[in-house]
Amino acid sequence: MKAKNVKGKELRVVFFIGDLSEHSQQFYQKIKNESQTHGDIVQDLSYIDAYRNLTLKGISAMQWVAKYCPEPYIVFKVRRDNS
């Protein structure tokens, strides 16, 4: 994952997704292209990526941060509503 240096701090933007089997093949291809281009996708296949699983997604993201970012300065979790 690419990192930027901002005022002496390493900044990473990461998008967390779950299992996309309930989404279209076209959507999956867009996600795959994003991942290959920017390397900013973290996928956890233990839950279906759906509104009903937002809690699981949040837990998964925090577990990833705990494992791969041992001393984070700050962590933001943002969700965009598509409704």
Protein backbone atom coordinates (compact mmCIF):
# COMPACT_ATOMS: atom_id res chain seq x y z
CA MET A 1 0.00 0.00 0.00
CA LYS A 2 1.29 3.36 -0.97
CA ALA A 3 1.91 5.88 1.77
CA LYS A 4 2.25 9.65 1.60
CA ASN A 5 4.29 11.73 3.99
CA VAL A 6 2.26 14.59 5.46
CA LYS A 7 3.98 16.84 8.00
CA GLY A 8 6.29 14.03 9.02
CA LYS A 9 3.50 11.47 9.41
CA GLU A 10 2.90 8.51 7.12
CA LEU A 11 -0.60 8.69 5.64
CA ARG A 12 -2.41 5.73 4.07
CA VAL A 13 -5.88 5.67 2.58
CA VAL A 14 -7.38 2.20 2.55
CA PHE A 15 -10.79 0.94 1.46
CA PHE A 16 -12.20 -2.06 3.31
CA ILE A 17 -14.60 -4.41 1.54
CA GLY A 18 -16.14 -7.77 2.27
CA ASP A 19 -17.31 -10.59 0.04
CA LEU A 20 -18.72 -9.07 -3.16
CA SER A 21 -20.65 -12.15 -4.31
CA GLU A 22 -23.96 -10.24 -4.00
CA HIS A 23 -22.71 -7.56 -6.41
CA SER A 24 -22.49 -7.60 -10.21
CA GLN A 25 -19.47 -8.84 -12.12
CA GLN A 26 -19.06 -5.32 -13.54
CA PHE A 27 -18.84 -3.87 -10.03
CA TYR A 28 -16.33 -6.55 -9.01
CA GLN A 29 -14.18 -5.70 -12.06
CA LYS A 30 -14.12 -2.01 -11.07
CA ILE A 31 -12.94 -2.94 -7.58
CA LYS A 32 -10.29 -5.25 -9.02
CA ASN A 33 -9.02 -2.48 -11.32
CA GLU A 34 -8.87 -0.03 -8.39
CA SER A 35 -6.88 -2.52 -6.36
CA GLN A 36 -4.43 -3.22 -9.16
CA THR A 37 -3.98 0.48 -9.93
CA HIS A 38 -3.70 1.90 -6.42
CA GLY A 39 -3.16 -1.05 -4.07
CA ASP A 40 -5.60 0.46 -1.59
CA ILE A 41 -8.20 -2.29 -1.17
CA VAL A 42 -8.34 -4.62 1.82
CA GLN A 43 -10.83 -7.45 1.38
CA ASP A 44 -12.17 -9.69 4.13
CA LEU A 45 -14.18 -12.62 2.76
CA SER A 46 -15.63 -13.57 6.16
CA TYR A 47 -18.73 -11.40 5.64
CA ILE A 48 -20.94 -10.30 2.73
CA ASP A 49 -20.35 -6.64 1.94
CA ALA A 50 -23.85 -5.33 2.67
CA TYR A 51 -25.49 -2.71 4.87
CA ARG A 52 -26.58 -5.35 7.36
CA ASN A 53 -22.91 -6.22 8.00
CA LEU A 54 -21.52 -2.75 8.71
CA THR A 55 -20.60 -3.76 12.26
CA LEU A 56 -18.59 -6.73 10.96
CA LYS A 57 -16.89 -4.46 8.42
CA GLY A 58 -15.91 -1.99 11.15
CA ILE A 59 -14.53 -4.73 13.37
CA SER A 60 -12.60 -6.20 10.46
CA ALA A 61 -11.10 -2.80 9.65
CA MET A 62 -10.01 -2.21 13.25
CA GLN A 63 -8.45 -5.69 13.40
CA TRP A 64 -6.49 -4.92 10.23
CA VAL A 65 -5.31 -1.60 11.65
CA ALA A 66 -4.23 -3.30 14.89
CA LYS A 67 -2.25 -5.90 12.94
CA TYR A 68 -0.64 -3.74 10.23
CA CYS A 69 -0.43 -0.29 11.85
CA PRO A 70 1.10 -0.94 15.26
CA GLU A 71 1.29 2.70 16.36
CA PRO A 72 -1.27 4.73 14.43
CA TYR A 73 -1.39 8.45 15.13
CA ILE A 74 -5.06 8.56 14.21
CA VAL A 75 -7.56 6.34 12.40
CA PHE A 76 -10.63 7.61 10.54
CA LYS A 77 -13.52 5.40 9.57
CA VAL A 78 -15.82 7.04 7.06
CA ARG A 79 -18.88 5.64 5.36
CA ARG A 80 -20.64 7.07 2.34
CA ASP A 81 -24.38 6.52 2.08
CA ASN A 82 -25.56 5.71 -1.42
CA SER A 83 -29.24 6.14 -0.62
